[in-house]
Structure formats: C-alpha cells, structure tokens
PDB file of N, CA and C in Angstrom:
ATOM      1  N   MET A   1      31.990 -39.294  -2.117  1.00  0.00           N
ATOM      2  CA  MET A   1      32.052 -37.851  -2.144  1.00  0.00           C
ATOM      3  C   MET A   1      30.664 -37.261  -2.095  1.00  0.00           C
ATOM      4  N   LEU A   2      29.777 -37.838  -2.911  1.00  0.00           N
ATOM      5  CA  LEU A   2      28.399 -37.305  -2.981  1.00  0.00           C
ATOM      6  C   LEU A   2      27.646 -37.563  -1.687  1.00  0.00           C
ATOM      7  N   VAL A   3      27.916 -38.683  -1.064  1.00  0.00           N
ATOM      8  CA  VAL A   3      27.256 -39.042   0.171  1.00  0.00           C
ATOM      9  C   VAL A   3      27.698 -38.085   1.302  1.00  0.00           C
ATOM     10  N   SER A   4      28.960 -37.756   1.331  1.00  0.00           N
ATOM     11  CA  SER A   4      29.474 -36.871   2.372  1.00  0.00           C
ATOM     12  C   SER A   4      28.896 -35.457   2.224  1.00  0.00           C
ATOM     13  N   CYS A   5      28.771 -34.976   0.999  1.00  0.00           N
ATOM     14  CA  CYS A   5      28.142 -33.629   0.789  1.00  0.00           C
ATOM     15  C   CYS A   5      26.691 -33.653   1.193  1.00  0.00           C
ATOM     16  N   THR A   6      25.986 -34.699   0.899  1.00  0.00           N
ATOM     17  CA  THR A   6      24.582 -34.851   1.304  1.00  0.00           C
ATOM     18  C   THR A   6      24.430 -34.863   2.771  1.00  0.00           C
ATOM     19  N   MET A   7      25.348 -35.602   3.449  1.00  0.00           N
ATOM     20  CA  MET A   7      25.306 -35.646   4.906  1.00  0.00           C
ATOM     21  C   MET A   7      25.552 -34.288   5.537  1.00  0.00           C
ATOM     22  N   ILE A   8      26.526 -33.554   5.013  1.00  0.00           N
ATOM     23  CA  ILE A   8      26.842 -32.204   5.524  1.00  0.00           C
ATOM     24  C   ILE A   8      25.637 -31.294   5.335  1.00  0.00           C
ATOM     25  N   ILE A   9      25.003 -31.379   4.180  1.00  0.00           N
ATOM     26  CA  ILE A   9      23.818 -30.483   3.959  1.00  0.00           C
ATOM     27  C   ILE A   9      22.702 -30.890   4.885  1.00  0.00           C
ATOM     28  N   MET A  10      22.444 -32.163   5.116  1.00  0.00           N
ATOM     29  CA  MET A  10      21.414 -32.594   6.033  1.00  0.00           C
ATOM     30  C   MET A  10      21.661 -32.147   7.454  1.00  0.00           C
ATOM     31  N   ILE A  11      22.932 -32.243   7.862  1.00  0.00           N
ATOM     32  CA  ILE A  11      23.300 -31.805   9.252  1.00  0.00           C
ATOM     33  C   ILE A  11      23.078 -30.307   9.382  1.00  0.00           C
ATOM     34  N   LEU A  12      23.484 -29.519   8.369  1.00  0.00           N
ATOM     35  CA  LEU A  12      23.251 -28.056   8.405  1.00  0.00           C
ATOM     36  C   LEU A  12      21.797 -27.730   8.459  1.00  0.00           C
ATOM     37  N   VAL A  13      20.965 -28.378   7.669  1.00  0.00           N
ATOM     38  CA  VAL A  13      19.510 -28.116   7.705  1.00  0.00           C
ATOM     39  C   VAL A  13      18.953 -28.434   9.067  1.00  0.00           C
ATOM     40  N   ILE A  14      19.364 -29.560   9.687  1.00  0.00           N
ATOM     41  CA  ILE A  14      18.819 -29.920  11.009  1.00  0.00           C
ATOM     42  C   ILE A  14      19.301 -28.900  12.052  1.00  0.00           C
ATOM     43  N   LEU A  15      20.505 -28.468  11.940  1.00  0.00           N
ATOM     44  CA  LEU A  15      21.011 -27.462  12.912  1.00  0.00           C
ATOM     45  C   LEU A  15      20.243 -26.138  12.776  1.00  0.00           C
ATOM     46  N   ILE A  16      19.984 -25.733  11.565  1.00  0.00           N
ATOM     47  CA  ILE A  16      19.270 -24.498  11.359  1.00  0.00           C
ATOM     48  C   ILE A  16      17.814 -24.609  11.860  1.00  0.00           C
ATOM     49  N   LEU A  17      17.193 -25.742  11.658  1.00  0.00           N
ATOM     50  CA  LEU A  17      15.844 -25.991  12.176  1.00  0.00           C
ATOM     51  C   LEU A  17      15.845 -25.955  13.698  1.00  0.00           C
ATOM     52  N   ILE A  18      16.815 -26.605  14.323  1.00  0.00           N
ATOM     53  CA  ILE A  18      16.881 -26.600  15.773  1.00  0.00           C
ATOM     54  C   ILE A  18      17.100 -25.182  16.331  1.00  0.00           C
ATOM     55  N   LEU A  19      17.985 -24.424  15.699  1.00  0.00           N
ATOM     56  CA  LEU A  19      18.217 -23.061  16.082  1.00  0.00           C
ATOM     57  C   LEU A  19      17.021 -22.172  15.924  1.00  0.00           C
ATOM     58  N   SER A  20      16.252 -22.400  14.888  1.00  0.00           N
ATOM     59  CA  SER A  20      15.083 -21.571  14.655  1.00  0.00           C
ATOM     60  C   SER A  20      13.996 -21.819  15.736  1.00  0.00           C
ATOM     61  N   PHE A  21      13.866 -23.115  16.153  1.00  0.00           N
ATOM     62  CA  PHE A  21      12.918 -23.407  17.263  1.00  0.00           C
ATOM     63  C   PHE A  21      13.377 -22.841  18.566  1.00  0.00           C
ATOM     64  N   ILE A  22      14.654 -22.895  18.808  1.00  0.00           N
ATOM     65  CA  ILE A  22      15.169 -22.368  20.095  1.00  0.00           C
ATOM     66  C   ILE A  22      15.098 -20.852  20.170  1.00  0.00           C
ATOM     67  N   SER A  23      15.276 -20.167  19.094  1.00  0.00           N
ATOM     68  CA  SER A  23      15.333 -18.707  19.109  1.00  0.00           C
ATOM     69  C   SER A  23      13.954 -18.057  19.160  1.00  0.00           C
ATOM     70  N   LYS A  24      12.866 -18.796  18.931  1.00  0.00           N
ATOM     71  CA  LYS A  24      11.542 -18.199  18.908  1.00  0.00           C
ATOM     72  C   LYS A  24      11.114 -17.877  20.382  1.00  0.00           C
ATOM     73  N   LYS A  25      10.343 -16.842  20.479  1.00  0.00           N
ATOM     74  CA  LYS A  25       9.793 -16.458  21.828  1.00  0.00           C
ATOM     75  C   LYS A  25       8.730 -17.468  22.190  1.00  0.00           C
ATOM     76  N   MET A  26       8.748 -17.851  23.417  1.00  0.00           N
ATOM     77  CA  MET A  26       7.761 -18.790  23.872  1.00  0.00           C
ATOM     78  C   MET A  26       6.442 -18.110  24.312  1.00  0.00           C
ATOM     79  N   LEU A  27       6.548 -16.831  24.704  1.00  0.00           N
ATOM     80  CA  LEU A  27       5.363 -16.126  25.132  1.00  0.00           C
ATOM     81  C   LEU A  27       4.721 -15.418  23.952  1.00  0.00           C
ATOM     82  N   SER A  28       3.423 -15.501  23.867  1.00  0.00           N
ATOM     83  CA  SER A  28       2.714 -14.877  22.738  1.00  0.00           C
ATOM     84  C   SER A  28       2.135 -13.558  23.238  1.00  0.00           C
ATOM     85  N   ASP A  29       2.335 -12.491  22.483  1.00  0.00           N
ATOM     86  CA  ASP A  29       1.801 -11.182  22.813  1.00  0.00           C
ATOM     87  C   ASP A  29       0.595 -10.911  21.965  1.00  0.00           C
ATOM     88  N   ARG A  30      -0.501 -10.446  22.525  1.00  0.00           N
ATOM     89  CA  ARG A  30      -1.721 -10.219  21.804  1.00  0.00           C
ATOM     90  C   ARG A  30      -1.550  -9.169  20.683  1.00  0.00           C
ATOM     91  N   GLU A  31      -0.775  -8.119  20.980  1.00  0.00           N
ATOM     92  CA  GLU A  31      -0.571  -7.084  19.971  1.00  0.00           C
ATOM     93  C   GLU A  31       0.324  -7.580  18.833  1.00  0.00           C
ATOM     94  N   LYS A  32       1.310  -8.392  19.177  1.00  0.00           N
ATOM     95  CA  LYS A  32       2.219  -8.925  18.121  1.00  0.00           C
ATOM     96  C   LYS A  32       1.519  -9.953  17.238  1.00  0.00           C
ATOM     97  N   SER A  33       0.605 -10.733  17.793  1.00  0.00           N
ATOM     98  CA  SER A  33      -0.061 -11.777  17.019  1.00  0.00           C
ATOM     99  C   SER A  33      -1.253 -11.296  16.256  1.00  0.00           C
ATOM    100  N   SER A  34      -1.752 -10.060  16.508  1.00  0.00           N
ATOM    101  CA  SER A  34      -2.879  -9.531  15.799  1.00  0.00           C
ATOM    102  C   SER A  34      -2.470  -8.990  14.441  1.00  0.00           C
ATOM    103  N   PRO A  35      -3.337  -9.048  13.449  1.00  0.00           N
ATOM    104  CA  PRO A  35      -2.994  -8.488  12.111  1.00  0.00           C
ATOM    105  C   PRO A  35      -2.922  -6.965  12.204  1.00  0.00           C
ATOM    106  N   PHE A  36      -2.022  -6.403  11.398  1.00  0.00           N
ATOM    107  CA  PHE A  36      -1.787  -4.972  11.405  1.00  0.00           C
ATOM    108  C   PHE A  36      -2.831  -4.288  10.504  1.00  0.00           C
ATOM    109  N   GLU A  37      -3.518  -3.301  11.017  1.00  0.00           N
ATOM    110  CA  GLU A  37      -4.471  -2.504  10.270  1.00  0.00           C
ATOM    111  C   GLU A  37      -4.109  -1.050  10.475  1.00  0.00           C
ATOM    112  N   CYS A  38      -3.990  -0.336   9.429  1.00  0.00           N
ATOM    113  CA  CYS A  38      -3.682   1.086   9.516  1.00  0.00           C
ATOM    114  C   CYS A  38      -4.806   1.842  10.098  1.00  0.00           C
ATOM    115  N   GLY A  39      -4.521   2.696  11.113  1.00  0.00           N
ATOM    116  CA  GLY A  39      -5.513   3.551  11.705  1.00  0.00           C
ATOM    117  C   GLY A  39      -6.299   2.906  12.860  1.00  0.00           C
ATOM    118  N   PHE A  40      -6.013   1.647  13.164  1.00  0.00           N
ATOM    119  CA  PHE A  40      -6.759   0.989  14.214  1.00  0.00           C
ATOM    120  C   PHE A  40      -5.778   0.594  15.334  1.00  0.00           C
ATOM    121  N   ASP A  41      -6.229   0.713  16.555  1.00  0.00           N
ATOM    122  CA  ASP A  41      -5.462   0.273  17.715  1.00  0.00           C
ATOM    123  C   ASP A  41      -5.770  -1.218  17.925  1.00  0.00           C
ATOM    124  N   PRO A  42      -4.754  -2.080  17.873  1.00  0.00           N
ATOM    125  CA  PRO A  42      -5.122  -3.505  17.999  1.00  0.00           C
ATOM    126  C   PRO A  42      -5.566  -3.968  19.356  1.00  0.00           C
ATOM    127  N   LYS A  43      -5.444  -3.163  20.380  1.00  0.00           N
ATOM    128  CA  LYS A  43      -5.851  -3.581  21.751  1.00  0.00           C
ATOM    129  C   LYS A  43      -7.250  -3.126  22.067  1.00  0.00           C
ATOM    130  N   THR A  44      -7.885  -2.356  21.246  1.00  0.00           N
ATOM    131  CA  THR A  44      -9.269  -1.916  21.519  1.00  0.00           C
ATOM    132  C   THR A  44     -10.264  -2.906  20.905  1.00  0.00           C
ATOM    133  N   LEU A  45     -11.535  -2.654  21.146  1.00  0.00           N
ATOM    134  CA  LEU A  45     -12.602  -3.498  20.612  1.00  0.00           C
ATOM    135  C   LEU A  45     -12.625  -3.395  19.076  1.00  0.00           C
ATOM    136  N   PRO A  46     -12.919  -4.446  18.351  1.00  0.00           N
ATOM    137  CA  PRO A  46     -12.893  -4.404  16.913  1.00  0.00           C
ATOM    138  C   PRO A  46     -14.060  -3.594  16.307  1.00  0.00           C
ATOM    139  N   ARG A  47     -15.094  -3.326  17.027  1.00  0.00           N
ATOM    140  CA  ARG A  47     -16.267  -2.553  16.509  1.00  0.00           C
ATOM    141  C   ARG A  47     -16.200  -1.129  16.752  1.00  0.00           C
ATOM    142  N   MET A  48     -15.034  -0.592  17.127  1.00  0.00           N
ATOM    143  CA  MET A  48     -14.856   0.871  17.364  1.00  0.00           C
ATOM    144  C   MET A  48     -14.917   1.598  16.066  1.00  0.00           C
ATOM    145  N   PRO A  49     -15.504   2.762  16.003  1.00  0.00           N
ATOM    146  CA  PRO A  49     -15.528   3.504  14.735  1.00  0.00           C
ATOM    147  C   PRO A  49     -14.145   4.055  14.402  1.00  0.00           C
ATOM    148  N   PHE A  50     -13.835   4.139  13.095  1.00  0.00           N
ATOM    149  CA  PHE A  50     -12.589   4.618  12.687  1.00  0.00           C
ATOM    150  C   PHE A  50     -12.651   6.092  12.232  1.00  0.00           C
ATOM    151  N   SER A  51     -11.529   6.726  12.080  1.00  0.00           N
ATOM    152  CA  SER A  51     -11.459   8.117  11.743  1.00  0.00           C
ATOM    153  C   SER A  51     -11.911   8.332  10.281  1.00  0.00           C
ATOM    154  N   LEU A  52     -12.866   9.232  10.095  1.00  0.00           N
ATOM    155  CA  LEU A  52     -13.365   9.550   8.740  1.00  0.00           C
ATOM    156  C   LEU A  52     -12.296  10.304   7.942  1.00  0.00           C
ATOM    157  N   HIS A  53     -11.495  11.104   8.614  1.00  0.00           N
ATOM    158  CA  HIS A  53     -10.385  11.838   7.922  1.00  0.00           C
ATOM    159  C   HIS A  53      -9.392  10.850   7.398  1.00  0.00           C
ATOM    160  N   PHE A  54      -9.071   9.795   8.119  1.00  0.00           N
ATOM    161  CA  PHE A  54      -8.155   8.807   7.620  1.00  0.00           C
ATOM    162  C   PHE A  54      -8.706   8.119   6.396  1.00  0.00           C
ATOM    163  N   PHE A  55      -9.958   7.784   6.402  1.00  0.00           N
ATOM    164  CA  PHE A  55     -10.626   7.178   5.262  1.00  0.00           C
ATOM    165  C   PHE A  55     -10.597   8.075   4.025  1.00  0.00           C
ATOM    166  N   LEU A  56     -10.927   9.378   4.199  1.00  0.00           N
ATOM    167  CA  LEU A  56     -10.950  10.280   3.041  1.00  0.00           C
ATOM    168  C   LEU A  56      -9.551  10.523   2.425  1.00  0.00           C
ATOM    169  N   VAL A  57      -8.535  10.598   3.287  1.00  0.00           N
ATOM    170  CA  VAL A  57      -7.171  10.809   2.774  1.00  0.00           C
ATOM    171  C   VAL A  57      -6.731   9.518   2.022  1.00  0.00           C
ATOM    172  N   ALA A  58      -7.131   8.343   2.563  1.00  0.00           N
ATOM    173  CA  ALA A  58      -6.789   7.079   1.903  1.00  0.00           C
ATOM    174  C   ALA A  58      -7.480   7.001   0.524  1.00  0.00           C
ATOM    175  N   ILE A  59      -8.741   7.407   0.445  1.00  0.00           N
ATOM    176  CA  ILE A  59      -9.445   7.411  -0.825  1.00  0.00           C
ATOM    177  C   ILE A  59      -8.762   8.358  -1.833  1.00  0.00           C
ATOM    178  N   LEU A  60      -8.388   9.567  -1.334  1.00  0.00           N
ATOM    179  CA  LEU A  60      -7.702  10.506  -2.258  1.00  0.00           C
ATOM    180  C   LEU A  60      -6.380   9.919  -2.723  1.00  0.00           C
ATOM    181  N   PHE A  61      -5.652   9.227  -1.859  1.00  0.00           N
ATOM    182  CA  PHE A  61      -4.405   8.586  -2.288  1.00  0.00           C
ATOM    183  C   PHE A  61      -4.661   7.590  -3.379  1.00  0.00           C
ATOM    184  N   VAL A  62      -5.724   6.750  -3.217  1.00  0.00           N
ATOM    185  CA  VAL A  62      -6.024   5.767  -4.211  1.00  0.00           C
ATOM    186  C   VAL A  62      -6.400   6.414  -5.545  1.00  0.00           C
ATOM    187  N   ILE A  63      -7.155   7.475  -5.480  1.00  0.00           N
ATOM    188  CA  ILE A  63      -7.578   8.155  -6.702  1.00  0.00           C
ATOM    189  C   ILE A  63      -6.352   8.686  -7.474  1.00  0.00           C
ATOM    190  N   PHE A  64      -5.414   9.343  -6.736  1.00  0.00           N
ATOM    191  CA  PHE A  64      -4.254   9.906  -7.436  1.00  0.00           C
ATOM    192  C   PHE A  64      -3.252   8.817  -7.815  1.00  0.00           C
ATOM    193  N   ASP A  65      -3.309   7.668  -7.142  1.00  0.00           N
ATOM    194  CA  ASP A  65      -2.443   6.560  -7.543  1.00  0.00           C
ATOM    195  C   ASP A  65      -2.956   5.966  -8.846  1.00  0.00           C
ATOM    196  N   VAL A  66      -4.273   5.843  -8.963  1.00  0.00           N
ATOM    197  CA  VAL A  66      -4.852   5.335 -10.244  1.00  0.00           C
ATOM    198  C   VAL A  66      -4.617   6.351 -11.335  1.00  0.00           C
ATOM    199  N   GLU A  67      -4.697   7.632 -11.016  1.00  0.00           N
ATOM    200  CA  GLU A  67      -4.481   8.653 -11.982  1.00  0.00           C
ATOM    201  C   GLU A  67      -3.096   8.555 -12.586  1.00  0.00           C
ATOM    202  N   LEU A  68      -2.101   8.289 -11.778  1.00  0.00           N
ATOM    203  CA  LEU A  68      -0.777   8.122 -12.339  1.00  0.00           C
ATOM    204  C   LEU A  68      -0.676   6.932 -13.278  1.00  0.00           C
ATOM    205  N   THR A  69      -1.312   5.863 -12.942  1.00  0.00           N
ATOM    206  CA  THR A  69      -1.227   4.716 -13.822  1.00  0.00           C
ATOM    207  C   THR A  69      -1.973   4.969 -15.140  1.00  0.00           C
ATOM    208  N   LEU A  70      -2.894   5.893 -15.127  1.00  0.00           N
ATOM    209  CA  LEU A  70      -3.561   6.285 -16.409  1.00  0.00           C
ATOM    210  C   LEU A  70      -2.764   7.307 -17.199  1.00  0.00           C
ATOM    211  N   LEU A  71      -2.018   8.162 -16.494  1.00  0.00           N
ATOM    212  CA  LEU A  71      -1.238   9.195 -17.173  1.00  0.00           C
ATOM    213  C   LEU A  71       0.034   8.664 -17.850  1.00  0.00           C
ATOM    214  N   LEU A  72       0.667   7.719 -17.219  1.00  0.00           N
ATOM    215  CA  LEU A  72       1.950   7.267 -17.747  1.00  0.00           C
ATOM    216  C   LEU A  72       1.842   6.604 -19.165  1.00  0.00           C
ATOM    217  N   PRO A  73       0.834   5.779 -19.414  1.00  0.00           N
ATOM    218  CA  PRO A  73       0.731   5.248 -20.787  1.00  0.00           C
ATOM    219  C   PRO A  73       0.415   6.295 -21.855  1.00  0.00           C
ATOM    220  N   MET A  74      -0.030   7.474 -21.412  1.00  0.00           N
ATOM    221  CA  MET A  74      -0.349   8.500 -22.380  1.00  0.00           C
ATOM    222  C   MET A  74       0.954   8.979 -23.065  1.00  0.00           C
ATOM    223  N   ILE A  75       2.067   8.806 -22.464  1.00  0.00           N
ATOM    224  CA  ILE A  75       3.320   9.170 -23.131  1.00  0.00           C
ATOM    225  C   ILE A  75       3.541   8.338 -24.391  1.00  0.00           C
ATOM    226  N   PHE A  76       3.228   7.061 -24.263  1.00  0.00           N
ATOM    227  CA  PHE A  76       3.346   6.178 -25.434  1.00  0.00           C
ATOM    228  C   PHE A  76       2.274   6.443 -26.472  1.00  0.00           C
ATOM    229  N   ALA A  77       1.116   6.943 -26.026  1.00  0.00           N
ATOM    230  CA  ALA A  77       0.053   7.261 -26.965  1.00  0.00           C
ATOM    231  C   ALA A  77       0.387   8.505 -27.792  1.00  0.00           C
ATOM    232  N   LEU A  78       1.304   9.312 -27.331  1.00  0.00           N
ATOM    233  CA  LEU A  78       1.687  10.500 -28.065  1.00  0.00           C
ATOM    234  C   LEU A  78       2.344  10.118 -29.429  1.00  0.00           C
ATOM    235  N   LYS A  79       2.977   8.919 -29.468  1.00  0.00           N
ATOM    236  CA  LYS A  79       3.622   8.535 -30.697  1.00  0.00           C
ATOM    237  C   LYS A  79       2.616   8.158 -31.792  1.00  0.00           C
ATOM    238  N   ILE A  80       1.432   7.677 -31.449  1.00  0.00           N
ATOM    239  CA  ILE A  80       0.469   7.243 -32.411  1.00  0.00           C
ATOM    240  C   ILE A  80      -0.696   8.221 -32.646  1.00  0.00           C
ATOM    241  N   SER A  81      -0.756   9.292 -31.865  1.00  0.00           N
ATOM    242  CA  SER A  81      -1.849  10.199 -32.034  1.00  0.00           C
ATOM    243  C   SER A  81      -1.312  11.605 -32.332  1.00  0.00           C
ATOM    244  N   SER A  82      -2.223  12.498 -32.732  1.00  0.00           N
ATOM    245  CA  SER A  82      -1.783  13.867 -33.032  1.00  0.00           C
ATOM    246  C   SER A  82      -1.570  14.640 -31.736  1.00  0.00           C
ATOM    247  N   LEU A  83      -0.822  15.661 -31.799  1.00  0.00           N
ATOM    248  CA  LEU A  83      -0.520  16.486 -30.614  1.00  0.00           C
ATOM    249  C   LEU A  83      -1.737  17.172 -30.108  1.00  0.00           C
ATOM    250  N   ALA A  84      -2.627  17.616 -30.993  1.00  0.00           N
ATOM    251  CA  ALA A  84      -3.819  18.333 -30.546  1.00  0.00           C
ATOM    252  C   ALA A  84      -4.765  17.425 -29.772  1.00  0.00           C
ATOM    253  N   SER A  85      -4.977  16.224 -30.280  1.00  0.00           N
ATOM    254  CA  SER A  85      -5.886  15.281 -29.593  1.00  0.00           C
ATOM    255  C   SER A  85      -5.282  14.829 -28.235  1.00  0.00           C
ATOM    256  N   TYR A  86      -3.969  14.606 -28.243  1.00  0.00           N
ATOM    257  CA  TYR A  86      -3.275  14.262 -27.004  1.00  0.00           C
ATOM    258  C   TYR A  86      -3.383  15.385 -25.972  1.00  0.00           C
ATOM    259  N   ALA A  87      -3.134  16.596 -26.357  1.00  0.00           N
ATOM    260  CA  ALA A  87      -3.159  17.753 -25.454  1.00  0.00           C
ATOM    261  C   ALA A  87      -4.605  17.952 -24.910  1.00  0.00           C
ATOM    262  N   SER A  88      -5.631  17.832 -25.796  1.00  0.00           N
ATOM    263  CA  SER A  88      -6.972  18.023 -25.276  1.00  0.00           C
ATOM    264  C   SER A  88      -7.372  16.900 -24.291  1.00  0.00           C
ATOM    265  N   PHE A  89      -6.987  15.660 -24.562  1.00  0.00           N
ATOM    266  CA  PHE A  89      -7.321  14.578 -23.638  1.00  0.00           C
ATOM    267  C   PHE A  89      -6.550  14.766 -22.302  1.00  0.00           C
ATOM    268  N   ALA A  90      -5.321  15.080 -22.373  1.00  0.00           N
ATOM    269  CA  ALA A  90      -4.489  15.283 -21.150  1.00  0.00           C
ATOM    270  C   ALA A  90      -5.024  16.443 -20.335  1.00  0.00           C
ATOM    271  N   LEU A  91      -5.300  17.543 -20.967  1.00  0.00           N
ATOM    272  CA  LEU A  91      -5.826  18.724 -20.235  1.00  0.00           C
ATOM    273  C   LEU A  91      -7.173  18.457 -19.629  1.00  0.00           C
ATOM    274  N   SER A  92      -8.066  17.751 -20.328  1.00  0.00           N
ATOM    275  CA  SER A  92      -9.377  17.455 -19.719  1.00  0.00           C
ATOM    276  C   SER A  92      -9.245  16.472 -18.536  1.00  0.00           C
ATOM    277  N   PHE A  93      -8.366  15.477 -18.680  1.00  0.00           N
ATOM    278  CA  PHE A  93      -8.168  14.508 -17.613  1.00  0.00           C
ATOM    279  C   PHE A  93      -7.577  15.230 -16.370  1.00  0.00           C
ATOM    280  N   ILE A  94      -6.593  16.047 -16.534  1.00  0.00           N
ATOM    281  CA  ILE A  94      -5.990  16.717 -15.433  1.00  0.00           C
ATOM    282  C   ILE A  94      -6.921  17.756 -14.808  1.00  0.00           C
ATOM    283  N   SER A  95      -7.727  18.436 -15.631  1.00  0.00           N
ATOM    284  CA  SER A  95      -8.668  19.419 -15.105  1.00  0.00           C
ATOM    285  C   SER A  95      -9.750  18.741 -14.237  1.00  0.00           C
ATOM    286  N   ILE A  96     -10.205  17.550 -14.677  1.00  0.00           N
ATOM    287  CA  ILE A  96     -11.172  16.808 -13.850  1.00  0.00           C
ATOM    288  C   ILE A  96     -10.565  16.426 -12.518  1.00  0.00           C
ATOM    289  N   LEU A  97      -9.356  15.959 -12.523  1.00  0.00           N
ATOM    290  CA  LEU A  97      -8.692  15.619 -11.237  1.00  0.00           C
ATOM    291  C   LEU A  97      -8.494  16.818 -10.348  1.00  0.00           C
ATOM    292  N   LEU A  98      -8.093  17.927 -10.921  1.00  0.00           N
ATOM    293  CA  LEU A  98      -7.852  19.112 -10.145  1.00  0.00           C
ATOM    294  C   LEU A  98      -9.147  19.719  -9.599  1.00  0.00           C
ATOM    295  N   THR A  99     -10.233  19.575 -10.378  1.00  0.00           N
ATOM    296  CA  THR A  99     -11.538  20.046  -9.905  1.00  0.00           C
ATOM    297  C   THR A  99     -11.971  19.218  -8.720  1.00  0.00           C
ATOM    298  N   GLY A 100     -11.763  17.900  -8.791  1.00  0.00           N
ATOM    299  CA  GLY A 100     -12.141  17.028  -7.662  1.00  0.00           C
ATOM    300  C   GLY A 100     -11.287  17.327  -6.430  1.00  0.00           C
ATOM    301  N   LEU A 101     -10.003  17.599  -6.623  1.00  0.00           N
ATOM    302  CA  LEU A 101      -9.132  17.949  -5.501  1.00  0.00           C
ATOM    303  C   LEU A 101      -9.535  19.245  -4.850  1.00  0.00           C
ATOM    304  N   PHE A 102      -9.891  20.229  -5.721  1.00  0.00           N
ATOM    305  CA  PHE A 102     -10.333  21.546  -5.203  1.00  0.00           C
ATOM    306  C   PHE A 102     -11.650  21.368  -4.401  1.00  0.00           C
ATOM    307  N   HIS A 103     -12.534  20.552  -4.944  1.00  0.00           N
ATOM    308  CA  HIS A 103     -13.796  20.315  -4.225  1.00  0.00           C
ATOM    309  C   HIS A 103     -13.541  19.674  -2.828  1.00  0.00           C
ATOM    310  N   GLU A 104     -12.657  18.678  -2.792  1.00  0.00           N
ATOM    311  CA  GLU A 104     -12.319  18.058  -1.504  1.00  0.00           C
ATOM    312  C   GLU A 104     -11.706  19.057  -0.551  1.00  0.00           C
ATOM    313  N   TRP A 105     -10.889  19.955  -1.072  1.00  0.00           N
ATOM    314  CA  TRP A 105     -10.183  20.955  -0.268  1.00  0.00           C
ATOM    315  C   TRP A 105     -11.233  21.940   0.319  1.00  0.00           C
ATOM    316  N   THR A 106     -12.162  22.382  -0.521  1.00  0.00           N
ATOM    317  CA  THR A 106     -13.158  23.364  -0.053  1.00  0.00           C
ATOM    318  C   THR A 106     -14.132  22.721   0.928  1.00  0.00           C
ATOM    319  N   GLN A 107     -14.367  21.443   0.811  1.00  0.00           N
ATOM    320  CA  GLN A 107     -15.270  20.743   1.743  1.00  0.00           C
ATOM    321  C   GLN A 107     -14.597  20.428   3.060  1.00  0.00           C
ATOM    322  N   GLY A 108     -13.296  20.627   3.148  1.00  0.00           N
ATOM    323  CA  GLY A 108     -12.587  20.423   4.412  1.00  0.00           C
ATOM    324  C   GLY A 108     -12.160  18.969   4.620  1.00  0.00           C
ATOM    325  N   ALA A 109     -12.086  18.153   3.576  1.00  0.00           N
ATOM    326  CA  ALA A 109     -11.688  16.761   3.755  1.00  0.00           C
ATOM    327  C   ALA A 109     -10.218  16.638   3.998  1.00  0.00           C
ATOM    328  N   LEU A 110      -9.425  17.621   3.665  1.00  0.00           N
ATOM    329  CA  LEU A 110      -8.007  17.550   3.882  1.00  0.00           C
ATOM    330  C   LEU A 110      -7.547  18.148   5.145  1.00  0.00           C
ATOM    331  N   GLN A 111      -8.445  18.670   5.977  1.00  0.00           N
ATOM    332  CA  GLN A 111      -8.010  19.270   7.244  1.00  0.00           C
ATOM    333  C   GLN A 111      -8.141  18.217   8.338  1.00  0.00           C
ATOM    334  N   TRP A 112      -7.071  18.082   9.111  1.00  0.00           N
ATOM    335  CA  TRP A 112      -7.056  17.055  10.162  1.00  0.00           C
ATOM    336  C   TRP A 112      -7.666  17.593  11.448  1.00  0.00           C
ATOM    337  N   ILE A 113      -7.632  18.938  11.638  1.00  0.00           N
ATOM    338  CA  ILE A 113      -8.167  19.508  12.866  1.00  0.00           C
ATOM    339  C   ILE A 113      -9.575  20.033  12.560  1.00  0.00           C
ATOM    340  N   CYS A 114     -10.582  19.531  13.281  1.00  0.00           N
ATOM    341  CA  CYS A 114     -11.946  19.977  13.021  1.00  0.00           C
ATOM    342  C   CYS A 114     -12.282  21.298  13.659  1.00  0.00           C
TER     343      CYS A 114
END
C-alpha cells in the first residue's frame, strides 16, 4: 500500500514537471526578462535621467509611511503617560510633519506640471 502511494506521488510530480517545461515560452523577451523599476522605461538606456518629481513624491511617501509607524505606538504610550505630556508630544510631532508638508507644497514639489 505504501509503495503504491509513493509511486502515484512520484508519477504526479514527474507529470507536473514535464507540463511546467512544456508550458514555458521558448522565446525570451527583453522587456519581460528585465527587472521592474518604477518610473523607468526598461527599453531605454540605463543611464537616462529619471524624473525629479517622481523622486520627491516617493520621498514624501516614505516620510509619511515612517510617520505612521511612529504614531501608532503612541496609542499604547497613552496608557503609561499623562494626557498632557502625550498631547504635547503628539501635537509637536504632527505640527513638524505638517510644516514639512506645507514647505514642500509651497516649493512646488507636489506639482506634476512645471
């Protein structure tokens, strides 16, 4: 009984391997085989300059993503600290972030059309 189950499993594995080799495309496409990079065209030269607006928006996303990871644990800190110290820290943290966002907005970093 054990031998027959092992044989069935081996036959199924071999069939799946054969089907996977048959189903693959034989022709390789340059665009499909190149690594995916956001904001870059894979068929152009690799030394082409990239969009500065794309870079700035990506940096802003990273900053606000890190900000969220810093704000969420503050909810648990409310249990062990006083409300006044918690509120002053949260307000100062959010005001620094909003000041940075306002600065980026006034400098034109968030405008896609120059």
